C-alpha atoms as a PDB file:
ATOM      1  CA  GLU A   1      11.557  14.296 -15.772  1.00  0.00           C
ATOM      2  CA  ALA A   2      11.423  18.092 -15.800  1.00  0.00           C
ATOM      3  CA  ALA A   3      12.439  17.960 -12.123  1.00  0.00           C
ATOM      4  CA  GLY A   4      15.449  15.792 -12.904  1.00  0.00           C
ATOM      5  CA  GLY A   5      13.944  12.364 -12.341  1.00  0.00           C
ATOM      6  CA  ARG A   6      13.224   9.443 -14.620  1.00  0.00           C
ATOM      7  CA  ALA A   7       9.809   7.873 -15.003  1.00  0.00           C
ATOM      8  CA  VAL A   8       7.778   5.598 -17.224  1.00  0.00           C
ATOM      9  CA  ALA A   9       4.021   5.005 -16.982  1.00  0.00           C
ATOM     10  CA  VAL A  10       2.729   1.507 -17.676  1.00  0.00           C
ATOM     11  CA  ALA A  11      -0.939   0.564 -17.435  1.00  0.00           C
ATOM     12  CA  ALA A  12      -1.429  -2.855 -15.849  1.00  0.00           C
ATOM     13  CA  ASP A  13      -4.164  -4.768 -14.045  1.00  0.00           C
ATOM     14  CA  VAL A  14      -2.474  -5.936 -10.837  1.00  0.00           C
ATOM     15  CA  THR A  15      -4.979  -8.793 -10.518  1.00  0.00           C
ATOM     16  CA  ARG A  16      -3.646 -10.455 -13.695  1.00  0.00           C
ATOM     17  CA  GLN A  17      -0.366 -12.336 -13.524  1.00  0.00           C
ATOM     18  CA  THR A  18       0.536 -11.730 -17.180  1.00  0.00           C
ATOM     19  CA  ALA A  19      -0.155  -7.991 -16.856  1.00  0.00           C
ATOM     20  CA  VAL A  20       1.988  -7.779 -13.713  1.00  0.00           C
ATOM     21  CA  GLN A  21       4.864  -9.549 -15.465  1.00  0.00           C
ATOM     22  CA  THR A  22       4.578  -7.024 -18.318  1.00  0.00           C
ATOM     23  CA  LEU A  23       4.714  -4.212 -15.739  1.00  0.00           C
ATOM     24  CA  VAL A  24       7.863  -5.568 -14.073  1.00  0.00           C
ATOM     25  CA  ASN A  25       9.521  -6.236 -17.437  1.00  0.00           C
ATOM     26  CA  ALA A  26       8.766  -2.684 -18.583  1.00  0.00           C
ATOM     27  CA  ALA A  27      10.389  -1.227 -15.461  1.00  0.00           C
ATOM     28  CA  ILE A  28      13.511  -3.353 -15.951  1.00  0.00           C
ATOM     29  CA  ASP A  29      13.662  -2.569 -19.676  1.00  0.00           C
ATOM     30  CA  HIS A  30      13.413   1.163 -18.946  1.00  0.00           C
ATOM     31  CA  PHE A  31      15.727   1.408 -15.916  1.00  0.00           C
ATOM     32  CA  GLY A  32      17.965  -1.624 -16.328  1.00  0.00           C
ATOM     33  CA  CYS A  33      17.256  -3.072 -12.874  1.00  0.00           C
ATOM     34  CA  LEU A  34      14.733  -3.211 -10.053  1.00  0.00           C
ATOM     35  CA  ASP A  35      15.522  -2.066  -6.506  1.00  0.00           C
ATOM     36  CA  ILE A  36      12.279  -0.832  -4.933  1.00  0.00           C
ATOM     37  CA  VAL A  37       8.678  -2.010  -5.093  1.00  0.00           C
ATOM     38  CA  VAL A  38       5.835   0.045  -3.627  1.00  0.00           C
ATOM     39  CA  ASN A  39       2.545  -1.864  -3.606  1.00  0.00           C
ATOM     40  CA  ASN A  40       0.163   1.084  -3.638  1.00  0.00           C
ATOM     41  CA  ALA A  41      -2.620   0.047  -6.026  1.00  0.00           C
ATOM     42  CA  GLY A  42      -5.795  -0.296  -4.001  1.00  0.00           C
ATOM     43  CA  ILE A  43      -9.472   0.445  -3.627  1.00  0.00           C
ATOM     44  CA  TYR A  44     -11.885   0.741  -0.755  1.00  0.00           C
ATOM     45  CA  GLN A  45     -15.612   0.693  -0.351  1.00  0.00           C
ATOM     46  CA  PHE A  46     -17.352   0.449   2.979  1.00  0.00           C
ATOM     47  CA  ALA A  47     -20.579  -1.522   3.370  1.00  0.00           C
ATOM     48  CA  SER A  48     -22.610  -2.906   6.241  1.00  0.00           C
ATOM     49  CA  ILE A  49     -22.249  -6.635   6.779  1.00  0.00           C
ATOM     50  CA  GLU A  50     -25.755  -7.174   5.366  1.00  0.00           C
ATOM     51  CA  GLU A  51     -24.774  -5.286   2.195  1.00  0.00           C
ATOM     52  CA  SER A  52     -21.433  -7.065   1.819  1.00  0.00           C
ATOM     53  CA  THR A  53     -21.512  -9.157  -1.328  1.00  0.00           C
ATOM     54  CA  GLU A  54     -19.283 -11.747  -2.918  1.00  0.00           C
ATOM     55  CA  ALA A  55     -18.533  -9.288  -5.733  1.00  0.00           C
ATOM     56  CA  LEU A  56     -17.500  -6.553  -3.277  1.00  0.00           C
ATOM     57  CA  TYR A  57     -15.288  -9.004  -1.403  1.00  0.00           C
ATOM     58  CA  ARG A  58     -13.624 -10.347  -4.527  1.00  0.00           C
ATOM     59  CA  ARG A  59     -12.969  -6.901  -6.019  1.00  0.00           C
ATOM     60  CA  GLN A  60     -11.326  -5.562  -2.847  1.00  0.00           C
ATOM     61  CA  PHE A  61      -9.345  -8.707  -2.048  1.00  0.00           C
ATOM     62  CA  ASP A  62      -8.268  -9.170  -5.670  1.00  0.00           C
ATOM     63  CA  ILE A  63      -6.826  -5.653  -5.937  1.00  0.00           C
ATOM     64  CA  ASN A  64      -5.733  -5.094  -2.323  1.00  0.00           C
ATOM     65  CA  VAL A  65      -4.317  -8.554  -1.524  1.00  0.00           C
ATOM     66  CA  LEU A  66      -3.814 -10.605  -4.696  1.00  0.00           C
ATOM     67  CA  GLY A  67      -2.326  -7.552  -6.460  1.00  0.00           C
ATOM     68  CA  PRO A  68       0.576  -7.030  -4.035  1.00  0.00           C
ATOM     69  CA  LEU A  69       1.221 -10.784  -3.942  1.00  0.00           C
ATOM     70  CA  LEU A  70       1.430 -11.007  -7.745  1.00  0.00           C
ATOM     71  CA  VAL A  71       3.574  -7.868  -8.060  1.00  0.00           C
ATOM     72  CA  THR A  72       5.965  -9.046  -5.354  1.00  0.00           C
ATOM     73  CA  ALA A  73       6.193 -12.526  -6.872  1.00  0.00           C
ATOM     74  CA  ALA A  74       7.039 -11.073 -10.284  1.00  0.00           C
ATOM     75  CA  ALA A  75       9.529  -8.563  -8.865  1.00  0.00           C
ATOM     76  CA  ALA A  76      11.319 -10.764  -6.306  1.00  0.00           C
ATOM     77  CA  PRO A  77      13.556 -12.659  -8.765  1.00  0.00           C
ATOM     78  CA  HIS A  78      14.957  -9.299  -9.938  1.00  0.00           C
ATOM     79  CA  LEU A  79      15.559  -7.830  -6.462  1.00  0.00           C
ATOM     80  CA  GLY A  80      18.939  -8.120  -4.820  1.00  0.00           C
ATOM     81  CA  ASN A  81      20.648  -7.405  -1.533  1.00  0.00           C
ATOM     82  CA  GLY A  82      19.552  -4.001  -0.225  1.00  0.00           C
ATOM     83  CA  SER A  83      16.252  -3.957  -2.128  1.00  0.00           C
ATOM     84  CA  SER A  84      13.079  -2.754  -0.461  1.00  0.00           C
ATOM     85  CA  ILE A  85       9.400  -3.652  -0.775  1.00  0.00           C
ATOM     86  CA  ILE A  86       6.881  -1.270   0.802  1.00  0.00           C
ATOM     87  CA  ASN A  87       3.240  -2.280   1.138  1.00  0.00           C
ATOM     88  CA  ILE A  88       0.667   0.465   1.598  1.00  0.00           C
ATOM     89  CA  SER A  89      -1.817  -0.827   4.159  1.00  0.00           C
ATOM     90  CA  SER A  90      -4.220   1.244   6.299  1.00  0.00           C
ATOM     91  CA  PHE A  91      -4.955   2.409   9.814  1.00  0.00           C
ATOM     92  CA  VAL A  92      -8.174   0.352   9.666  1.00  0.00           C
ATOM     93  CA  THR A  93      -6.144  -2.616  10.887  1.00  0.00           C
ATOM     94  CA  ARG A  94      -5.855  -0.830  14.265  1.00  0.00           C
ATOM     95  CA  VAL A  95      -8.761   1.624  14.244  1.00  0.00           C
ATOM     96  CA  PHE A  96     -11.852  -0.505  13.800  1.00  0.00           C
ATOM     97  CA  ILE A  97     -14.374   1.411  11.692  1.00  0.00           C
ATOM     98  CA  ALA A  98     -17.961   0.204  11.372  1.00  0.00           C
ATOM     99  CA  GLU A  99     -18.938  -1.091   7.932  1.00  0.00           C
ATOM    100  CA  SER A 100     -15.319  -1.666   6.882  1.00  0.00           C
ATOM    101  CA  ALA A 101     -15.131  -5.446   7.449  1.00  0.00           C
ATOM    102  CA  ILE A 102     -14.065  -6.335   3.893  1.00  0.00           C
ATOM    103  CA  TYR A 103     -11.563  -3.495   3.496  1.00  0.00           C
ATOM    104  CA  SER A 104     -10.157  -3.989   7.010  1.00  0.00           C
ATOM    105  CA  GLY A 105      -9.822  -7.718   6.342  1.00  0.00           C
ATOM    106  CA  ALA A 106      -7.896  -7.053   3.135  1.00  0.00           C
ATOM    107  CA  LYS A 107      -5.525  -4.613   4.816  1.00  0.00           C
ATOM    108  CA  GLY A 108      -5.098  -6.951   7.791  1.00  0.00           C
ATOM    109  CA  ALA A 109      -3.971  -9.559   5.285  1.00  0.00           C
ATOM    110  CA  ILE A 110      -1.392  -7.089   3.927  1.00  0.00           C
ATOM    111  CA  ASP A 111       0.011  -6.533   7.428  1.00  0.00           C
ATOM    112  CA  ALA A 112       0.374 -10.301   7.882  1.00  0.00           C
ATOM    113  CA  ILE A 113       1.874 -10.755   4.406  1.00  0.00           C
ATOM    114  CA  THR A 114       4.409  -8.026   5.193  1.00  0.00           C
ATOM    115  CA  GLY A 115       5.660  -9.982   8.206  1.00  0.00           C
ATOM    116  CA  VAL A 116       5.738 -13.295   6.346  1.00  0.00           C
ATOM    117  CA  LEU A 117       7.620 -11.893   3.347  1.00  0.00           C
ATOM    118  CA  SER A 118      10.130 -10.110   5.590  1.00  0.00           C
ATOM    119  CA  LYS A 119      11.114 -13.551   6.912  1.00  0.00           C
ATOM    120  CA  GLU A 120      10.975 -15.225   3.501  1.00  0.00           C
ATOM    121  CA  LEU A 121      12.946 -12.586   1.583  1.00  0.00           C
ATOM    122  CA  GLY A 122      15.186 -11.373   4.402  1.00  0.00           C
ATOM    123  CA  PRO A 123      17.885 -14.017   3.808  1.00  0.00           C
ATOM    124  CA  ARG A 124      18.255 -12.551   0.308  1.00  0.00           C
ATOM    125  CA  GLY A 125      18.791  -9.062   1.743  1.00  0.00           C
ATOM    126  CA  ILE A 126      15.338  -7.846   0.659  1.00  0.00           C
ATOM    127  CA  ARG A 127      13.494  -5.755   3.226  1.00  0.00           C
ATOM    128  CA  VAL A 128       9.677  -5.749   3.429  1.00  0.00           C
ATOM    129  CA  ASN A 129       7.740  -3.147   5.424  1.00  0.00           C
ATOM    130  CA  ALA A 130       4.275  -1.610   5.457  1.00  0.00           C
ATOM    131  CA  VAL A 131       2.977   1.911   5.947  1.00  0.00           C
ATOM    132  CA  ASN A 132      -0.532   2.247   7.377  1.00  0.00           C
ATOM    133  CA  PRO A 133      -1.890   5.736   6.650  1.00  0.00           C
ATOM    134  CA  GLY A 134      -5.006   7.266   8.079  1.00  0.00           C
ATOM    135  CA  LEU A 135      -7.390   9.081   5.770  1.00  0.00           C
ATOM    136  CA  ILE A 136      -5.274  10.799   3.107  1.00  0.00           C
ATOM    137  CA  GLU A 137      -6.554  13.355   0.624  1.00  0.00           C
ATOM    138  CA  THR A 138      -5.990  11.740  -2.761  1.00  0.00           C
ATOM    139  CA  GLU A 139      -7.760  11.407  -6.072  1.00  0.00           C
ATOM    140  CA  GLY A 140      -9.163   8.141  -4.751  1.00  0.00           C
ATOM    141  CA  SER A 141     -10.545   9.590  -1.507  1.00  0.00           C
ATOM    142  CA  HIS A 142     -12.200  12.347  -3.545  1.00  0.00           C
ATOM    143  CA  SER A 143     -13.699   9.878  -6.031  1.00  0.00           C
ATOM    144  CA  VAL A 144     -15.363   7.778  -3.304  1.00  0.00           C
ATOM    145  CA  GLY A 145     -16.819  10.863  -1.614  1.00  0.00           C
ATOM    146  CA  ALA A 146     -14.686  10.773   1.544  1.00  0.00           C
ATOM    147  CA  MET A 147     -13.662  14.420   1.211  1.00  0.00           C
ATOM    148  CA  ASN A 148     -15.936  17.100   2.685  1.00  0.00           C
ATOM    149  CA  SER A 149     -18.034  14.372   4.264  1.00  0.00           C
ATOM    150  CA  ASP A 150     -19.050  13.211   7.724  1.00  0.00           C
ATOM    151  CA  PHE A 151     -16.254  10.632   7.427  1.00  0.00           C
ATOM    152  CA  GLN A 152     -13.663  13.377   6.959  1.00  0.00           C
ATOM    153  CA  THR A 153     -15.096  15.305   9.897  1.00  0.00           C
ATOM    154  CA  TRP A 154     -15.003  12.185  12.091  1.00  0.00           C
ATOM    155  CA  ASN A 155     -11.368  11.580  11.120  1.00  0.00           C
ATOM    156  CA  GLU A 156     -10.403  15.150  11.964  1.00  0.00           C
ATOM    157  CA  GLU A 157     -12.160  14.921  15.340  1.00  0.00           C
ATOM    158  CA  GLN A 158     -10.501  11.586  16.219  1.00  0.00           C
ATOM    159  CA  THR A 159      -6.988  12.531  15.071  1.00  0.00           C
ATOM    160  CA  PRO A 160      -4.813  14.208  17.747  1.00  0.00           C
ATOM    161  CA  LEU A 161      -3.173  16.378  15.081  1.00  0.00           C
ATOM    162  CA  GLY A 162      -6.644  17.617  14.129  1.00  0.00           C
ATOM    163  CA  ARG A 163      -6.606  17.089  10.370  1.00  0.00           C
ATOM    164  CA  ILE A 164      -6.585  14.439   7.678  1.00  0.00           C
ATOM    165  CA  GLY A 165      -3.350  13.466   5.988  1.00  0.00           C
ATOM    166  CA  GLN A 166      -1.815  14.690   2.771  1.00  0.00           C
ATOM    167  CA  VAL A 167       0.324  12.782   0.287  1.00  0.00           C
ATOM    168  CA  GLN A 168       3.373  14.720   1.495  1.00  0.00           C
ATOM    169  CA  ASP A 169       2.795  13.255   4.975  1.00  0.00           C
ATOM    170  CA  ILE A 170       3.239   9.691   3.665  1.00  0.00           C
ATOM    171  CA  ALA A 171       5.712  10.003   0.785  1.00  0.00           C
ATOM    172  CA  PRO A 172       8.750  10.785   3.019  1.00  0.00           C
ATOM    173  CA  ILE A 173       8.046   7.692   5.136  1.00  0.00           C
ATOM    174  CA  VAL A 174       7.970   5.538   2.009  1.00  0.00           C
ATOM    175  CA  SER A 175      11.136   7.221   0.714  1.00  0.00           C
ATOM    176  CA  PHE A 176      12.881   6.524   4.015  1.00  0.00           C
ATOM    177  CA  LEU A 177      11.894   2.840   3.975  1.00  0.00           C
ATOM    178  CA  ALA A 178      13.126   2.586   0.395  1.00  0.00           C
ATOM    179  CA  SER A 179      16.480   4.156   1.275  1.00  0.00           C
ATOM    180  CA  ASP A 180      19.661   2.637   2.641  1.00  0.00           C
ATOM    181  CA  GLU A 181      19.060   4.623   5.833  1.00  0.00           C
ATOM    182  CA  ALA A 182      16.383   2.034   6.674  1.00  0.00           C
ATOM    183  CA  ARG A 183      18.706  -0.908   5.953  1.00  0.00           C
ATOM    184  CA  TRP A 184      18.119  -2.415   9.436  1.00  0.00           C
ATOM    185  CA  ILE A 185      14.318  -2.145   9.313  1.00  0.00           C
ATOM    186  CA  THR A 186      12.198  -5.002   8.016  1.00  0.00           C
ATOM    187  CA  GLY A 187       8.905  -6.629   8.950  1.00  0.00           C
ATOM    188  CA  GLU A 188       7.622  -3.363  10.421  1.00  0.00           C
ATOM    189  CA  VAL A 189       4.142  -1.879  10.095  1.00  0.00           C
ATOM    190  CA  ILE A 190       4.343   1.885  10.555  1.00  0.00           C
ATOM    191  CA  LEU A 191       1.124   3.601  11.591  1.00  0.00           C
ATOM    192  CA  ALA A 192       1.024   7.048   9.982  1.00  0.00           C
ATOM    193  CA  SER A 193      -2.329   8.425  11.035  1.00  0.00           C
ATOM    194  CA  GLY A 194      -1.644  11.686  12.841  1.00  0.00           C
ATOM    195  CA  GLY A 195      -1.906   9.870  16.158  1.00  0.00           C
ATOM    196  CA  MET A 196      -5.281   8.184  15.602  1.00  0.00           C
ATOM    197  CA  ARG A 197      -5.181   4.670  16.978  1.00  0.00           C
END
């Protein structure tokens, strides 16, 4: 707000339909309408196939797949012609990383859901796209130990641009997809990984 914007923070569990409805209602109550949805809530945890458990699967699929479905379902009735939904997926759907079967499966589902919803919501003038970042330095990547690790080093070595991503590398892509300048783009999955593929 100090920078001239408007914002409201609402805590909500995206795996709970009632909580998601409260989230959407709060946004509409605060701003008066809903034009853009960015499905960015997510977690990741790598594990070998032998260490992959039902609990690990359910936690990642509940947050990474069910969450965007519930948020989109709650938001869609309030979105009109020219609205935009952006799903944050991951480069793991194209760069196959050992011990990422559950996470890669969840993000692969998001890529497929993006295409399906672009066809379903397109007749209403609602665009649906996905952005698939590589490793990005965030609070989350720090909390899981990805920063200053062998995984970070591997990413830097495999990425043609020679570094991991920063939030400011992804935010402009999302802003573009949310804008009217992207009015003819829907159903796309944009790989934003510094060239790693």
